[in-house]
Amino acid sequence: MVYDRRILDRQVGRNAQLFAEATGALPSAEERFPYVRILVALIENSHPEWSQAPQKPQQVAELAVALSNRTLDPTEVADVVRVRDEERGLGAA
């Protein structure tokens, strides 16, 4: 199978990249929210070294935006990362 874009992050993989592109194509933030949570979980599982990084929300958001071919909003993704961390008791940034 031939793809238009190369894999941006081999740890996350092509399927996550295609998922990010499809998520970015959804029209509203409300529709994207559950899928952005899944994408954030995939990125966090692929990059456990970022779990204690001081700029974790920005790092995850930058990668998610790059994977989505710039269709996701970095602020929206960073907010999802913060919410997930707060839910897990990892502290608020």
C-alpha atoms as a PDB file:
ATOM      1  CA  MET A   1       0.000   0.000   0.000  1.00  0.00           C
ATOM      2  CA  VAL A   2       1.311   3.449  -0.890  1.00  0.00           C
ATOM      3  CA  TYR A   3       0.776   6.418   1.429  1.00  0.00           C
ATOM      4  CA  ASP A   4       1.058  10.140   0.675  1.00  0.00           C
ATOM      5  CA  ARG A   5       3.082  10.897   3.808  1.00  0.00           C
ATOM      6  CA  ARG A   6       5.942   9.144   5.530  1.00  0.00           C
ATOM      7  CA  ILE A   7       5.614   7.921   9.111  1.00  0.00           C
ATOM      8  CA  LEU A   8       6.413  10.865  11.390  1.00  0.00           C
ATOM      9  CA  ASP A   9       6.979   8.887  14.586  1.00  0.00           C
ATOM     10  CA  ARG A  10       7.784   5.194  14.348  1.00  0.00           C
ATOM     11  CA  GLN A  11       7.039   4.628  18.032  1.00  0.00           C
ATOM     12  CA  VAL A  12       3.468   5.828  17.558  1.00  0.00           C
ATOM     13  CA  GLY A  13       3.104   4.314  14.089  1.00  0.00           C
ATOM     14  CA  ARG A  14       1.198   4.751  10.861  1.00  0.00           C
ATOM     15  CA  ASN A  15      -2.187   3.661  12.235  1.00  0.00           C
ATOM     16  CA  ALA A  16      -2.069   6.373  14.897  1.00  0.00           C
ATOM     17  CA  GLN A  17      -1.059   8.880  12.231  1.00  0.00           C
ATOM     18  CA  LEU A  18      -4.026   7.913  10.045  1.00  0.00           C
ATOM     19  CA  PHE A  19      -6.258   8.030  13.144  1.00  0.00           C
ATOM     20  CA  ALA A  20      -4.985  11.548  13.943  1.00  0.00           C
ATOM     21  CA  GLU A  21      -5.703  12.721  10.394  1.00  0.00           C
ATOM     22  CA  ALA A  22      -9.244  11.327  10.556  1.00  0.00           C
ATOM     23  CA  THR A  23      -9.791  12.875  13.993  1.00  0.00           C
ATOM     24  CA  GLY A  24      -8.657  16.275  12.747  1.00  0.00           C
ATOM     25  CA  ALA A  25     -11.193  16.062   9.936  1.00  0.00           C
ATOM     26  CA  LEU A  26     -14.122  15.967  12.380  1.00  0.00           C
ATOM     27  CA  PRO A  27     -15.980  19.306  12.349  1.00  0.00           C
ATOM     28  CA  SER A  28     -16.369  20.178  16.044  1.00  0.00           C
ATOM     29  CA  ALA A  29     -14.331  19.947  19.232  1.00  0.00           C
ATOM     30  CA  GLU A  30     -17.175  18.037  20.891  1.00  0.00           C
ATOM     31  CA  GLU A  31     -17.033  15.353  18.204  1.00  0.00           C
ATOM     32  CA  ARG A  32     -13.226  15.210  18.332  1.00  0.00           C
ATOM     33  CA  PHE A  33     -12.910  15.021  22.125  1.00  0.00           C
ATOM     34  CA  PRO A  34     -13.204  11.227  22.649  1.00  0.00           C
ATOM     35  CA  TYR A  35     -10.918  10.556  19.699  1.00  0.00           C
ATOM     36  CA  VAL A  36      -8.341  13.086  20.878  1.00  0.00           C
ATOM     37  CA  ARG A  37      -8.336  11.275  24.248  1.00  0.00           C
ATOM     38  CA  ILE A  38      -7.595   8.001  22.457  1.00  0.00           C
ATOM     39  CA  LEU A  39      -4.851   9.647  20.394  1.00  0.00           C
ATOM     40  CA  VAL A  40      -3.294  11.144  23.536  1.00  0.00           C
ATOM     41  CA  ALA A  41      -3.353   7.706  25.188  1.00  0.00           C
ATOM     42  CA  LEU A  42      -1.611   6.174  22.159  1.00  0.00           C
ATOM     43  CA  ILE A  43       1.084   8.855  22.241  1.00  0.00           C
ATOM     44  CA  GLU A  44       1.567   8.532  26.012  1.00  0.00           C
ATOM     45  CA  ASN A  45       1.923   4.746  25.713  1.00  0.00           C
ATOM     46  CA  SER A  46       4.439   5.151  22.906  1.00  0.00           C
ATOM     47  CA  HIS A  47       6.486   7.778  24.764  1.00  0.00           C
ATOM     48  CA  PRO A  48       6.561   6.831  28.469  1.00  0.00           C
ATOM     49  CA  GLU A  49       9.690   8.965  28.880  1.00  0.00           C
ATOM     50  CA  TRP A  50       7.448  12.044  28.566  1.00  0.00           C
ATOM     51  CA  SER A  51       5.340  11.121  31.615  1.00  0.00           C
ATOM     52  CA  GLN A  52       7.368  13.315  33.982  1.00  0.00           C
ATOM     53  CA  ALA A  53       8.421  15.964  31.473  1.00  0.00           C
ATOM     54  CA  PRO A  54       7.617  19.518  32.609  1.00  0.00           C
ATOM     55  CA  GLN A  55       6.282  20.412  29.147  1.00  0.00           C
ATOM     56  CA  LYS A  56       4.387  17.143  28.601  1.00  0.00           C
ATOM     57  CA  PRO A  57       1.104  18.733  27.396  1.00  0.00           C
ATOM     58  CA  GLN A  58       2.966  20.795  24.794  1.00  0.00           C
ATOM     59  CA  GLN A  59       5.137  17.849  23.678  1.00  0.00           C
ATOM     60  CA  VAL A  60       2.149  15.544  23.223  1.00  0.00           C
ATOM     61  CA  ALA A  61       0.162  18.324  21.512  1.00  0.00           C
ATOM     62  CA  GLU A  62       2.989  19.099  19.070  1.00  0.00           C
ATOM     63  CA  LEU A  63       3.271  15.446  18.068  1.00  0.00           C
ATOM     64  CA  ALA A  64      -0.518  15.027  17.766  1.00  0.00           C
ATOM     65  CA  VAL A  65      -0.764  18.128  15.571  1.00  0.00           C
ATOM     66  CA  ALA A  66       2.094  16.909  13.373  1.00  0.00           C
ATOM     67  CA  LEU A  67       0.507  13.452  13.078  1.00  0.00           C
ATOM     68  CA  SER A  68      -2.808  15.036  12.072  1.00  0.00           C
ATOM     69  CA  ASN A  69      -1.153  17.029   9.279  1.00  0.00           C
ATOM     70  CA  ARG A  70      -1.865  20.263  11.189  1.00  0.00           C
ATOM     71  CA  THR A  71      -5.639  19.691  11.366  1.00  0.00           C
ATOM     72  CA  LEU A  72      -5.823  19.453  15.168  1.00  0.00           C
ATOM     73  CA  ASP A  73      -5.593  22.479  17.459  1.00  0.00           C
ATOM     74  CA  PRO A  74      -2.567  22.230  19.795  1.00  0.00           C
ATOM     75  CA  THR A  75      -4.406  24.014  22.622  1.00  0.00           C
ATOM     76  CA  GLU A  76      -7.280  21.539  22.401  1.00  0.00           C
ATOM     77  CA  VAL A  77      -4.886  18.571  22.562  1.00  0.00           C
ATOM     78  CA  ALA A  78      -2.855  20.068  25.437  1.00  0.00           C
ATOM     79  CA  ASP A  79      -6.080  20.611  27.397  1.00  0.00           C
ATOM     80  CA  VAL A  80      -6.993  16.944  26.925  1.00  0.00           C
ATOM     81  CA  VAL A  81      -3.543  15.910  28.198  1.00  0.00           C
ATOM     82  CA  ARG A  82      -3.997  18.077  31.309  1.00  0.00           C
ATOM     83  CA  VAL A  83      -7.491  16.672  31.960  1.00  0.00           C
ATOM     84  CA  ARG A  84      -6.227  13.084  31.639  1.00  0.00           C
ATOM     85  CA  ASP A  85      -3.361  13.793  34.036  1.00  0.00           C
ATOM     86  CA  GLU A  86      -5.710  15.395  36.574  1.00  0.00           C
ATOM     87  CA  GLU A  87      -8.104  12.425  36.343  1.00  0.00           C
ATOM     88  CA  ARG A  88      -5.223  10.063  37.067  1.00  0.00           C
ATOM     89  CA  GLY A  89      -4.019  12.195  39.971  1.00  0.00           C
ATOM     90  CA  LEU A  90      -0.762  13.145  38.311  1.00  0.00           C
ATOM     91  CA  GLY A  91      -1.153  16.774  39.321  1.00  0.00           C
ATOM     92  CA  ALA A  92      -2.242  19.866  37.495  1.00  0.00           C
ATOM     93  CA  ALA A  93       0.289  21.870  35.537  1.00  0.00           C
END
